[in-house]
C-alpha atoms as a PDB file:
ATOM      1  CA  MET A   1     120.604  70.713  80.387  1.00  0.00           C
ATOM      2  CA  SER A   2     118.152  73.499  81.113  1.00  0.00           C
ATOM      3  CA  ASP A   3     119.075  76.741  82.847  1.00  0.00           C
ATOM      4  CA  THR A   4     117.370  75.540  86.019  1.00  0.00           C
ATOM      5  CA  ASP A   5     119.415  72.331  86.121  1.00  0.00           C
ATOM      6  CA  ASP A   6     122.714  74.132  86.594  1.00  0.00           C
ATOM      7  CA  THR A   7     124.358  72.493  89.636  1.00  0.00           C
ATOM      8  CA  THR A   8     127.404  74.746  89.809  1.00  0.00           C
ATOM      9  CA  ASP A   9     128.146  75.396  93.493  1.00  0.00           C
ATOM     10  CA  THR A  10     127.841  79.145  93.959  1.00  0.00           C
ATOM     11  CA  ASP A  11     126.266  79.109  97.410  1.00  0.00           C
ATOM     12  CA  ALA A  12     128.058  81.736  99.491  1.00  0.00           C
ATOM     13  CA  THR A  13     127.471  79.676 102.640  1.00  0.00           C
ATOM     14  CA  ASP A  14     129.759  76.963 101.245  1.00  0.00           C
ATOM     15  CA  ASP A  15     132.542  79.397 100.459  1.00  0.00           C
ATOM     16  CA  GLU A  16     135.336  78.937 103.009  1.00  0.00           C
ATOM     17  CA  SER A  17     136.226  82.613 102.637  1.00  0.00           C
ATOM     18  CA  THR A  18     132.855  83.762 104.045  1.00  0.00           C
ATOM     19  CA  GLU A  19     133.505  86.720 106.288  1.00  0.00           C
ATOM     20  CA  LYS A  20     132.400  86.376 109.905  1.00  0.00           C
ATOM     21  CA  GLN A  21     130.706  89.278 111.634  1.00  0.00           C
ATOM     22  CA  LEU A  22     129.025  90.095 114.911  1.00  0.00           C
ATOM     23  CA  VAL A  23     125.308  90.660 114.362  1.00  0.00           C
ATOM     24  CA  SER A  24     123.018  92.266 116.894  1.00  0.00           C
ATOM     25  CA  GLY A  25     120.217  90.095 118.220  1.00  0.00           C
ATOM     26  CA  TRP A  26     117.019  91.455 119.734  1.00  0.00           C
ATOM     27  CA  HIS A  27     117.965  93.898 122.514  1.00  0.00           C
ATOM     28  CA  GLY A  28     114.434  94.861 123.463  1.00  0.00           C
ATOM     29  CA  ARG A  29     112.742  98.236 123.062  1.00  0.00           C
ATOM     30  CA  TYR A  30     114.141 101.450 124.459  1.00  0.00           C
ATOM     31  CA  TYR A  31     112.038 104.446 125.465  1.00  0.00           C
ATOM     32  CA  GLU A  32     112.366 106.033 122.023  1.00  0.00           C
ATOM     33  CA  ASP A  33     110.943 102.908 120.368  1.00  0.00           C
ATOM     34  CA  PHE A  34     107.512 103.067 122.022  1.00  0.00           C
ATOM     35  CA  GLU A  35     104.657 104.813 120.198  1.00  0.00           C
ATOM     36  CA  VAL A  36     101.266 105.448 121.788  1.00  0.00           C
ATOM     37  CA  GLY A  37      98.704 103.155 120.161  1.00  0.00           C
ATOM     38  CA  ASP A  38     101.193 100.458 119.204  1.00  0.00           C
ATOM     39  CA  ILE A  39     100.082  96.909 120.074  1.00  0.00           C
ATOM     40  CA  TYR A  40     102.650  94.127 120.449  1.00  0.00           C
ATOM     41  CA  LYS A  41     101.542  90.505 120.267  1.00  0.00           C
ATOM     42  CA  HIS A  42     104.116  88.787 122.432  1.00  0.00           C
ATOM     43  CA  PRO A  43     105.680  85.669 120.923  1.00  0.00           C
ATOM     44  CA  PHE A  44     105.116  82.137 122.188  1.00  0.00           C
ATOM     45  CA  GLY A  45     101.961  80.973 123.888  1.00  0.00           C
ATOM     46  CA  ARG A  46     102.434  79.030 127.114  1.00  0.00           C
ATOM     47  CA  THR A  47     100.381  76.025 128.245  1.00  0.00           C
ATOM     48  CA  VAL A  48      99.611  76.050 131.965  1.00  0.00           C
ATOM     49  CA  THR A  49     100.297  72.762 133.729  1.00  0.00           C
ATOM     50  CA  GLU A  50      99.060  71.285 136.979  1.00  0.00           C
ATOM     51  CA  THR A  51     102.631  71.563 138.296  1.00  0.00           C
ATOM     52  CA  ASP A  52     102.608  75.316 137.662  1.00  0.00           C
ATOM     53  CA  ASN A  53      99.439  75.711 139.666  1.00  0.00           C
ATOM     54  CA  VAL A  54     100.373  73.457 142.595  1.00  0.00           C
ATOM     55  CA  TRP A  55     103.873  74.932 142.827  1.00  0.00           C
ATOM     56  CA  MET A  56     102.657  78.537 142.823  1.00  0.00           C
ATOM     57  CA  THR A  57      99.914  77.769 145.330  1.00  0.00           C
ATOM     58  CA  ASN A  58     102.328  76.054 147.733  1.00  0.00           C
ATOM     59  CA  VAL A  59     105.130  78.598 147.410  1.00  0.00           C
ATOM     60  CA  THR A  60     102.821  81.505 148.135  1.00  0.00           C
ATOM     61  CA  MET A  61     100.838  79.641 150.857  1.00  0.00           C
ATOM     62  CA  ASN A  62      97.556  80.263 149.054  1.00  0.00           C
ATOM     63  CA  LEU A  63      95.153  78.169 151.170  1.00  0.00           C
ATOM     64  CA  ASN A  64      92.079  78.378 148.933  1.00  0.00           C
ATOM     65  CA  PRO A  65      91.214  74.703 148.161  1.00  0.00           C
ATOM     66  CA  MET A  66      90.003  75.714 144.693  1.00  0.00           C
ATOM     67  CA  HIS A  67      93.646  75.486 143.641  1.00  0.00           C
ATOM     68  CA  PHE A  68      94.795  72.201 145.230  1.00  0.00           C
ATOM     69  CA  ASN A  69      91.776  70.092 146.295  1.00  0.00           C
ATOM     70  CA  GLU A  70      90.250  68.256 143.301  1.00  0.00           C
ATOM     71  CA  ALA A  71      87.358  66.765 145.296  1.00  0.00           C
ATOM     72  CA  TYR A  72      86.418  70.153 146.663  1.00  0.00           C
ATOM     73  CA  ALA A  73      86.746  71.891 143.311  1.00  0.00           C
ATOM     74  CA  ALA A  74      84.629  69.206 141.602  1.00  0.00           C
ATOM     75  CA  GLU A  75      81.651  70.302 143.698  1.00  0.00           C
ATOM     76  CA  THR A  76      81.904  73.960 142.672  1.00  0.00           C
ATOM     77  CA  GLU A  77      80.376  75.677 139.659  1.00  0.00           C
ATOM     78  CA  PHE A  78      83.651  75.188 137.774  1.00  0.00           C
ATOM     79  CA  GLY A  79      83.822  71.411 138.355  1.00  0.00           C
ATOM     80  CA  GLU A  80      87.607  71.388 138.564  1.00  0.00           C
ATOM     81  CA  ARG A  81      90.530  73.241 140.094  1.00  0.00           C
ATOM     82  CA  LEU A  82      91.259  76.804 139.021  1.00  0.00           C
ATOM     83  CA  VAL A  83      94.728  78.043 138.244  1.00  0.00           C
ATOM     84  CA  ASP A  84      96.017  80.465 140.886  1.00  0.00           C
ATOM     85  CA  GLY A  85      95.296  83.967 139.580  1.00  0.00           C
ATOM     86  CA  THR A  86      98.664  85.291 140.705  1.00  0.00           C
ATOM     87  CA  PHE A  87     100.336  82.700 138.478  1.00  0.00           C
ATOM     88  CA  VAL A  88      98.340  83.982 135.498  1.00  0.00           C
ATOM     89  CA  ILE A  89      99.455  87.536 136.313  1.00  0.00           C
ATOM     90  CA  ALA A  90     103.100  86.487 136.613  1.00  0.00           C
ATOM     91  CA  LEU A  91     102.934  84.472 133.400  1.00  0.00           C
ATOM     92  CA  ALA A  92     101.353  87.245 131.341  1.00  0.00           C
ATOM     93  CA  VAL A  93     103.775  89.854 132.683  1.00  0.00           C
ATOM     94  CA  GLY A  94     106.690  87.535 131.986  1.00  0.00           C
ATOM     95  CA  MET A  95     105.502  86.986 128.424  1.00  0.00           C
ATOM     96  CA  SER A  96     105.419  90.754 127.890  1.00  0.00           C
ATOM     97  CA  VAL A  97     108.977  91.436 129.094  1.00  0.00           C
ATOM     98  CA  ILE A  98     110.549  90.691 125.706  1.00  0.00           C
ATOM     99  CA  ASP A  99     108.640  93.608 124.139  1.00  0.00           C
ATOM    100  CA  ILE A 100     108.058  95.968 127.056  1.00  0.00           C
ATOM    101  CA  SER A 101     110.624  95.852 129.828  1.00  0.00           C
ATOM    102  CA  VAL A 102     113.868  94.158 128.810  1.00  0.00           C
ATOM    103  CA  ASN A 103     115.444  97.596 129.248  1.00  0.00           C
ATOM    104  CA  ALA A 104     113.343  98.775 132.191  1.00  0.00           C
ATOM    105  CA  THR A 105     115.201 100.126 135.193  1.00  0.00           C
ATOM    106  CA  ALA A 106     112.116  99.710 137.414  1.00  0.00           C
ATOM    107  CA  ASN A 107     108.493  98.661 137.292  1.00  0.00           C
ATOM    108  CA  LEU A 108     106.575 101.481 138.963  1.00  0.00           C
ATOM    109  CA  GLY A 109     103.223  99.778 139.283  1.00  0.00           C
ATOM    110  CA  TYR A 110     100.537  97.335 138.255  1.00  0.00           C
ATOM    111  CA  ASP A 111      97.020  98.790 138.241  1.00  0.00           C
ATOM    112  CA  ASP A 112      93.444  97.916 137.378  1.00  0.00           C
ATOM    113  CA  ILE A 113      94.093  94.159 137.467  1.00  0.00           C
ATOM    114  CA  ARG A 114      91.069  92.136 136.319  1.00  0.00           C
ATOM    115  CA  HIS A 115      90.525  88.386 135.964  1.00  0.00           C
ATOM    116  CA  HIS A 116      87.864  88.167 133.253  1.00  0.00           C
ATOM    117  CA  ASN A 117      87.610  84.375 132.931  1.00  0.00           C
ATOM    118  CA  PRO A 118      89.001  81.364 134.833  1.00  0.00           C
ATOM    119  CA  VAL A 119      92.131  79.531 133.720  1.00  0.00           C
ATOM    120  CA  PHE A 120      92.286  75.730 133.949  1.00  0.00           C
ATOM    121  CA  HIS A 121      95.077  73.173 133.743  1.00  0.00           C
ATOM    122  CA  GLY A 122      95.941  72.658 130.064  1.00  0.00           C
ATOM    123  CA  ASP A 123      94.863  76.109 128.920  1.00  0.00           C
ATOM    124  CA  THR A 124      97.331  77.937 126.689  1.00  0.00           C
ATOM    125  CA  ILE A 125      97.840  81.615 127.395  1.00  0.00           C
ATOM    126  CA  PHE A 126      98.704  84.297 124.827  1.00  0.00           C
ATOM    127  CA  ALA A 127      99.466  87.920 125.695  1.00  0.00           C
ATOM    128  CA  GLU A 128      99.608  91.320 124.016  1.00  0.00           C
ATOM    129  CA  SER A 129     100.407  94.854 125.196  1.00  0.00           C
ATOM    130  CA  GLU A 130      99.148  98.248 124.030  1.00  0.00           C
ATOM    131  CA  VAL A 131     101.069 101.471 124.662  1.00  0.00           C
ATOM    132  CA  LEU A 132      98.695 103.912 126.390  1.00  0.00           C
ATOM    133  CA  HIS A 133     100.974 106.829 127.315  1.00  0.00           C
ATOM    134  CA  LYS A 134     104.651 107.756 127.496  1.00  0.00           C
ATOM    135  CA  ARG A 135     106.464 110.677 129.065  1.00  0.00           C
ATOM    136  CA  GLU A 136     109.935 111.882 129.907  1.00  0.00           C
ATOM    137  CA  LEU A 137     111.136 112.761 133.399  1.00  0.00           C
ATOM    138  CA  GLU A 138     112.691 116.028 134.506  1.00  0.00           C
ATOM    139  CA  SER A 139     114.488 114.265 137.347  1.00  0.00           C
ATOM    140  CA  ARG A 140     116.033 111.496 135.228  1.00  0.00           C
ATOM    141  CA  ASP A 141     117.153 112.226 131.687  1.00  0.00           C
ATOM    142  CA  HIS A 142     118.302 108.665 130.990  1.00  0.00           C
ATOM    143  CA  VAL A 143     114.852 107.024 131.294  1.00  0.00           C
ATOM    144  CA  GLY A 144     111.190 107.616 130.460  1.00  0.00           C
ATOM    145  CA  ILE A 145     107.897 106.222 131.726  1.00  0.00           C
ATOM    146  CA  VAL A 146     105.770 103.997 129.488  1.00  0.00           C
ATOM    147  CA  GLU A 147     102.209 103.066 130.457  1.00  0.00           C
ATOM    148  CA  THR A 148     100.835  99.929 128.842  1.00  0.00           C
ATOM    149  CA  GLU A 149      97.759  97.736 129.013  1.00  0.00           C
ATOM    150  CA  LEU A 150      98.526  94.018 129.127  1.00  0.00           C
ATOM    151  CA  ARG A 151      95.844  91.595 127.943  1.00  0.00           C
ATOM    152  CA  ALA A 152      95.969  87.783 128.151  1.00  0.00           C
ATOM    153  CA  TYR A 153      93.768  85.312 126.284  1.00  0.00           C
ATOM    154  CA  ASN A 154      93.224  81.562 126.386  1.00  0.00           C
ATOM    155  CA  GLN A 155      93.341  79.253 123.349  1.00  0.00           C
ATOM    156  CA  HIS A 156      89.658  79.967 122.645  1.00  0.00           C
ATOM    157  CA  GLY A 157      90.280  83.706 122.384  1.00  0.00           C
ATOM    158  CA  ASP A 158      88.601  84.484 125.712  1.00  0.00           C
ATOM    159  CA  LEU A 159      90.091  87.400 127.596  1.00  0.00           C
ATOM    160  CA  VAL A 160      91.299  85.995 130.925  1.00  0.00           C
ATOM    161  CA  LEU A 161      93.319  88.890 132.331  1.00  0.00           C
ATOM    162  CA  SER A 162      93.958  92.578 131.859  1.00  0.00           C
ATOM    163  CA  LEU A 163      96.096  95.025 133.796  1.00  0.00           C
ATOM    164  CA  GLU A 164      97.956  98.279 133.381  1.00  0.00           C
ATOM    165  CA  ARG A 165     101.696  98.178 133.774  1.00  0.00           C
ATOM    166  CA  THR A 166     104.081 101.129 134.109  1.00  0.00           C
ATOM    167  CA  PRO A 167     107.785 100.482 133.607  1.00  0.00           C
ATOM    168  CA  MET A 168     110.525 103.111 133.630  1.00  0.00           C
ATOM    169  CA  VAL A 169     112.532 102.350 130.498  1.00  0.00           C
ATOM    170  CA  LEU A 170     116.100 103.227 129.590  1.00  0.00           C
ATOM    171  CA  LYS A 171     116.726 105.533 126.617  1.00  0.00           C
ATOM    172  CA  ARG A 172     118.709 104.148 123.711  1.00  0.00           C
ATOM    173  CA  SER A 173     121.091 107.114 123.796  1.00  0.00           C
ATOM    174  CA  HIS A 174     122.191 106.133 127.303  1.00  0.00           C
ATOM    175  CA  ALA A 175     122.281 102.387 126.730  1.00  0.00           C
ATOM    176  CA  GLU A 176     124.432 102.374 123.592  1.00  0.00           C
ATOM    177  CA  PRO A 177     123.720  98.705 122.773  1.00  0.00           C
ATOM    178  CA  SER A 178     126.079  96.931 120.402  1.00  0.00           C
ATOM    179  CA  ALA A 179     126.521  93.523 118.821  1.00  0.00           C
ATOM    180  CA  ALA A 180     129.739  92.991 120.813  1.00  0.00           C
ATOM    181  CA  GLU A 181     128.250  94.015 124.156  1.00  0.00           C
ATOM    182  CA  PRO A 182     124.491  93.439 124.245  1.00  0.00           C
ATOM    183  CA  PRO A 183     122.457  94.315 127.360  1.00  0.00           C
ATOM    184  CA  GLY A 184     123.585  92.309 130.381  1.00  0.00           C
ATOM    185  CA  TRP A 185     126.952  91.283 128.922  1.00  0.00           C
ATOM    186  CA  PRO A 186     130.144  92.459 130.675  1.00  0.00           C
ATOM    187  CA  GLU A 187     132.802  93.972 128.412  1.00  0.00           C
ATOM    188  CA  GLY A 188     135.180  91.465 126.816  1.00  0.00           C
ATOM    189  CA  ILE A 189     133.061  88.316 127.097  1.00  0.00           C
ATOM    190  CA  GLY A 190     132.677  86.105 124.022  1.00  0.00           C
ATOM    191  CA  THR A 191     133.728  86.894 120.452  1.00  0.00           C
ATOM    192  CA  GLN A 192     135.225  90.376 120.086  1.00  0.00           C
ATOM    193  CA  PRO A 193     135.315  92.506 116.901  1.00  0.00           C
ATOM    194  CA  GLU A 194     139.143  92.494 116.818  1.00  0.00           C
ATOM    195  CA  GLU A 195     139.109  88.691 116.612  1.00  0.00           C
ATOM    196  CA  LEU A 196     137.224  88.685 113.293  1.00  0.00           C
END
């Protein structure tokens, strides 16, 4: 038998005495974690469906037939319906939350919003954010302001949307996140350290 054929079971995962522990998951970035110039590519692209577009158009009472009238849209320069631009904004902002504003206490504004290219049913959107500025506040010592540029692309790499977004983000020193009580969890819910 060669050294590599040794089948002795030494895998720690099979050892019944393996010690359990609470491990912190991703809690999002706090104010201290942002650095000007950093660019975050947000995980998970998202394919836009016809249902997304029709639902958003109906809910917001957007009456432009470009979004819900196929016959009308077929006669335009695009030849098909366009996805409601406000859906694209909401989608891109939502995709950025995991990296930018999980720990925001407020979103102060959305500026310089630009739709650079149309979005169609079946397009897949990807988003990234760049930190432009950050500053502390004299009036609130538990938060800071982070200015970011959000950019969204389709599956061909075409820029479809850009905007500037300014959340007010909690400082880590005031949040005191832990594995036992991550953001949004009330005290005492789920597995507790004293149970391990």
